[in-house]
């Protein structure tokens, strides 16, 4: 148990180091200024990023992949590294859009802005694990500050064997929330929780954050 929790601590800090930068002139660029084609998926993801007040920088070595988007698993965009057992799935939620959809809970959201993001993160953890085999940690304030977030949780998951998750064994689920703005969810999937998983997460550490 001690070893698992220590792995979780290391992975939580690494995986939350994600940041976003929006495309310029109709293209997203790698950190090394390599142009990335603007697919229909990426175009829609950029629109969601604008609504949630976040920015996106496409990380080097990654390619766009398809992610599940149905009534059970609703993700907006995915990245993978070729020839590895590693994927990143992203989900963006704007509080403004949530308020439009759930007018009857407007006052509750204003008074308790983090309650919805906590419930959503826990629901995903339960769905992917069957309600067991997951560990939760709060993200430290100094880490949140790097990404202009007010609150956040991380979940280390032992996944159910499902075709929707491409039969991956483990995942690190990160949720970042900015009050009255939106929520970012990042899910890192792998078959091994060793050093390579940590390294692959590090490769995307500068691709995601809220605008100040």
Protein backbone atom coordinates (compact mmCIF):
# COMPACT_ATOMS: atom_id res chain seq x y z
CA UNK A 1 0.00 0.00 0.00
CA UNK A 2 2.81 2.41 0.88
CA UNK A 3 4.48 1.81 -2.50
CA UNK A 4 1.20 2.39 -4.37
CA UNK A 5 0.52 5.63 -2.53
CA UNK A 6 4.06 6.88 -3.17
CA UNK A 7 3.65 6.12 -6.89
CA UNK A 8 0.35 7.95 -6.80
CA UNK A 9 1.95 11.00 -5.18
CA UNK A 10 4.65 11.18 -7.86
CA UNK A 11 2.23 10.62 -10.73
CA UNK A 12 -0.29 13.11 -9.37
CA UNK A 13 2.25 15.93 -9.28
CA UNK A 14 3.60 15.07 -12.73
CA UNK A 15 0.27 14.60 -14.47
CA UNK A 16 -1.24 17.80 -13.21
CA UNK A 17 1.56 19.70 -14.91
CA UNK A 18 -0.52 20.19 -18.06
CA UNK A 19 -1.13 23.50 -19.90
CA UNK A 20 -3.21 24.79 -22.95
CA UNK A 21 -2.54 27.42 -25.66
CA UNK A 22 -5.03 28.20 -28.43
CA UNK A 23 -4.02 28.00 -32.12
CA UNK A 24 -3.00 31.06 -34.10
CA UNK A 25 -3.90 31.65 -37.75
CA UNK A 26 -6.03 28.51 -37.94
CA UNK A 27 -3.32 26.09 -36.83
CA UNK A 28 -2.14 24.59 -33.56
CA UNK A 29 1.63 24.51 -33.22
CA UNK A 30 3.95 22.17 -31.41
CA UNK A 31 6.22 23.65 -28.75
CA UNK A 32 8.95 23.50 -31.44
CA UNK A 33 6.72 25.42 -33.89
CA UNK A 34 5.85 22.39 -36.04
CA UNK A 35 2.43 23.02 -37.67
CA UNK A 36 -0.35 20.60 -36.79
CA UNK A 37 -3.30 20.13 -39.19
CA UNK A 38 -6.53 21.56 -37.84
CA UNK A 39 -8.87 18.55 -37.89
CA UNK A 40 -12.59 18.78 -37.23
CA UNK A 41 -11.99 17.23 -33.79
CA UNK A 42 -9.35 19.79 -32.94
CA UNK A 43 -11.46 22.65 -34.24
CA UNK A 44 -14.32 21.64 -31.94
CA UNK A 45 -11.93 21.17 -29.03
CA UNK A 46 -10.58 24.67 -29.55
CA UNK A 47 -14.13 26.01 -29.41
CA UNK A 48 -14.71 24.24 -26.10
CA UNK A 49 -11.39 25.58 -24.81
CA UNK A 50 -12.47 29.13 -25.56
CA UNK A 51 -15.74 28.59 -23.69
CA UNK A 52 -13.92 27.16 -20.66
CA UNK A 53 -11.30 29.96 -20.77
CA UNK A 54 -8.32 27.63 -21.30
CA UNK A 55 -5.51 27.54 -23.83
CA UNK A 56 -3.90 24.59 -25.69
CA UNK A 57 -0.39 23.86 -26.98
CA UNK A 58 -0.10 20.59 -28.95
CA UNK A 59 2.75 18.60 -27.31
CA UNK A 60 5.59 17.18 -29.43
CA UNK A 61 5.66 13.41 -30.12
CA UNK A 62 1.89 13.14 -29.79
CA UNK A 63 -0.76 12.46 -32.41
CA UNK A 64 -4.52 12.95 -32.37
CA UNK A 65 -6.59 9.88 -31.49
CA UNK A 66 -10.29 9.14 -31.17
CA UNK A 67 -11.86 9.13 -27.72
CA UNK A 68 -15.17 7.70 -26.47
CA UNK A 69 -18.01 10.21 -26.60
CA UNK A 70 -21.33 8.64 -25.65
CA UNK A 71 -23.83 8.66 -22.80
CA UNK A 72 -21.41 6.82 -20.52
CA UNK A 73 -17.98 8.16 -21.47
CA UNK A 74 -17.97 11.71 -22.78
CA UNK A 75 -14.51 13.03 -23.66
CA UNK A 76 -13.71 15.85 -26.07
CA UNK A 77 -10.22 15.19 -27.41
CA UNK A 78 -7.45 12.61 -27.25
CA UNK A 79 -3.71 12.36 -27.77
CA UNK A 80 -1.42 9.35 -28.02
CA UNK A 81 2.25 8.57 -28.55
CA UNK A 82 2.82 6.16 -31.46
CA UNK A 83 4.11 2.69 -30.55
CA UNK A 84 3.42 3.14 -26.84
CA UNK A 85 0.71 2.03 -24.43
CA UNK A 86 -0.16 5.57 -23.42
CA UNK A 87 -3.09 7.87 -24.17
CA UNK A 88 -4.38 11.22 -22.91
CA UNK A 89 -8.08 12.03 -22.94
CA UNK A 90 -9.40 15.53 -22.27
CA UNK A 91 -12.78 16.87 -21.23
CA UNK A 92 -13.59 20.58 -20.90
CA UNK A 93 -16.62 22.04 -19.15
CA UNK A 94 -17.59 25.70 -19.01
CA UNK A 95 -19.50 26.82 -15.93
CA UNK A 96 -21.36 29.29 -18.13
CA UNK A 97 -22.62 26.46 -20.32
CA UNK A 98 -23.52 24.43 -17.24
CA UNK A 99 -25.57 27.33 -15.90
CA UNK A 100 -27.46 27.57 -19.18
CA UNK A 101 -28.23 23.85 -19.08
CA UNK A 102 -29.08 23.68 -15.37
CA UNK A 103 -30.82 26.93 -14.59
CA UNK A 104 -32.51 25.42 -11.55
CA UNK A 105 -29.09 24.88 -9.88
CA UNK A 106 -27.67 28.32 -10.67
CA UNK A 107 -27.69 29.55 -7.09
CA UNK A 108 -26.16 26.33 -5.83
CA UNK A 109 -23.31 26.59 -8.36
CA UNK A 110 -22.64 30.20 -7.45
CA UNK A 111 -22.45 29.39 -3.75
CA UNK A 112 -20.63 26.06 -4.12
CA UNK A 113 -18.63 26.30 -7.37
CA UNK A 114 -16.50 23.22 -6.71
CA UNK A 115 -19.29 20.81 -5.78
CA UNK A 116 -20.15 19.87 -9.36
CA UNK A 117 -16.53 19.24 -10.38
CA UNK A 118 -15.93 17.03 -7.32
CA UNK A 119 -19.05 14.99 -8.03
CA UNK A 120 -18.15 14.66 -11.72
CA UNK A 121 -14.61 13.47 -10.98
CA UNK A 122 -15.80 10.92 -8.44
CA UNK A 123 -18.48 9.68 -10.85
CA UNK A 124 -15.84 9.07 -13.54
CA UNK A 125 -13.60 7.23 -11.06
CA UNK A 126 -16.47 4.99 -10.01
CA UNK A 127 -17.55 4.35 -13.60
CA UNK A 128 -14.09 3.32 -14.75
CA UNK A 129 -13.28 1.17 -11.70
CA UNK A 130 -16.66 -0.22 -10.72
CA UNK A 131 -16.54 1.79 -7.51
CA UNK A 132 -13.37 0.28 -6.08
CA UNK A 133 -9.61 0.18 -6.65
CA UNK A 134 -9.05 3.91 -6.82
CA UNK A 135 -7.19 6.40 -4.62
CA UNK A 136 -7.89 10.13 -4.35
CA UNK A 137 -5.68 13.09 -3.48
CA UNK A 138 -6.27 16.84 -3.43
CA UNK A 139 -3.89 18.81 -5.63
CA UNK A 140 -1.67 21.16 -3.55
CA UNK A 141 -2.24 24.94 -3.83
CA UNK A 142 1.25 25.57 -5.24
CA UNK A 143 0.51 23.20 -8.12
CA UNK A 144 -2.93 24.71 -8.73
CA UNK A 145 -1.41 28.18 -8.92
CA UNK A 146 0.76 27.18 -11.89
CA UNK A 147 -2.37 26.49 -13.88
CA UNK A 148 -4.55 29.32 -12.58
CA UNK A 149 -6.88 26.79 -10.95
CA UNK A 150 -8.69 27.16 -7.63
CA UNK A 151 -9.20 23.49 -6.80
CA UNK A 152 -8.30 20.06 -8.08
CA UNK A 153 -8.33 16.32 -7.44
CA UNK A 154 -6.32 13.39 -8.75
CA UNK A 155 -7.43 9.76 -8.86
CA UNK A 156 -5.25 6.71 -9.43
CA UNK A 157 -7.49 4.10 -11.04
CA UNK A 158 -7.25 0.36 -11.60
CA UNK A 159 -9.54 0.13 -14.61
CA UNK A 160 -12.22 -2.39 -15.39
CA UNK A 161 -11.43 -4.41 -18.50
CA UNK A 162 -13.56 -2.56 -21.07
CA UNK A 163 -13.38 -2.05 -24.84
CA UNK A 164 -14.24 1.64 -24.29
CA UNK A 165 -10.89 2.13 -22.56
CA UNK A 166 -9.04 0.00 -25.13
CA UNK A 167 -8.50 -2.55 -22.33
CA UNK A 168 -5.97 -0.34 -20.57
CA UNK A 169 -5.21 -1.46 -17.02
CA UNK A 170 -4.54 1.81 -15.18
CA UNK A 171 -5.30 5.50 -15.40
CA UNK A 172 -4.46 8.73 -13.64
CA UNK A 173 -7.47 11.04 -13.66
CA UNK A 174 -6.86 14.77 -13.04
CA UNK A 175 -9.55 17.40 -12.48
CA UNK A 176 -8.76 21.13 -12.31
CA UNK A 177 -11.43 23.70 -11.49
CA UNK A 178 -11.47 27.49 -11.74
CA UNK A 179 -14.32 29.12 -9.84
CA UNK A 180 -17.13 30.52 -12.00
CA UNK A 181 -15.09 29.60 -15.11
CA UNK A 182 -14.84 25.89 -15.86
CA UNK A 183 -13.34 22.48 -15.27
CA UNK A 184 -10.56 20.60 -17.04
CA UNK A 185 -10.42 16.81 -16.85
CA UNK A 186 -7.37 14.90 -18.10
CA UNK A 187 -7.18 11.11 -18.07
CA UNK A 188 -3.82 9.40 -18.61
CA UNK A 189 -4.14 5.71 -19.57
CA UNK A 190 -1.45 3.03 -19.43
CA UNK A 191 -0.79 -0.68 -19.00
CA UNK A 192 2.21 -0.14 -16.72
CA UNK A 193 2.61 2.27 -13.79
CA UNK A 194 6.40 2.36 -14.09
CA UNK A 195 8.92 5.04 -15.09
CA UNK A 196 7.74 5.18 -18.74
CA UNK A 197 4.28 6.26 -17.65
CA UNK A 198 5.85 9.05 -15.62
CA UNK A 199 8.02 10.11 -18.57
CA UNK A 200 5.10 10.14 -21.00
CA UNK A 201 3.07 12.31 -18.65
CA UNK A 202 6.02 14.70 -18.39
CA UNK A 203 6.03 15.08 -22.18
CA UNK A 204 2.60 16.73 -21.98
CA UNK A 205 3.19 18.76 -18.82
CA UNK A 206 3.14 22.11 -20.64
CA UNK A 207 0.02 21.68 -22.72
CA UNK A 208 -2.82 22.75 -20.43
CA UNK A 209 -3.88 25.63 -18.16
CA UNK A 210 -6.60 28.17 -17.46
CA UNK A 211 -6.14 31.71 -18.64
CA UNK A 212 -5.29 34.13 -15.79
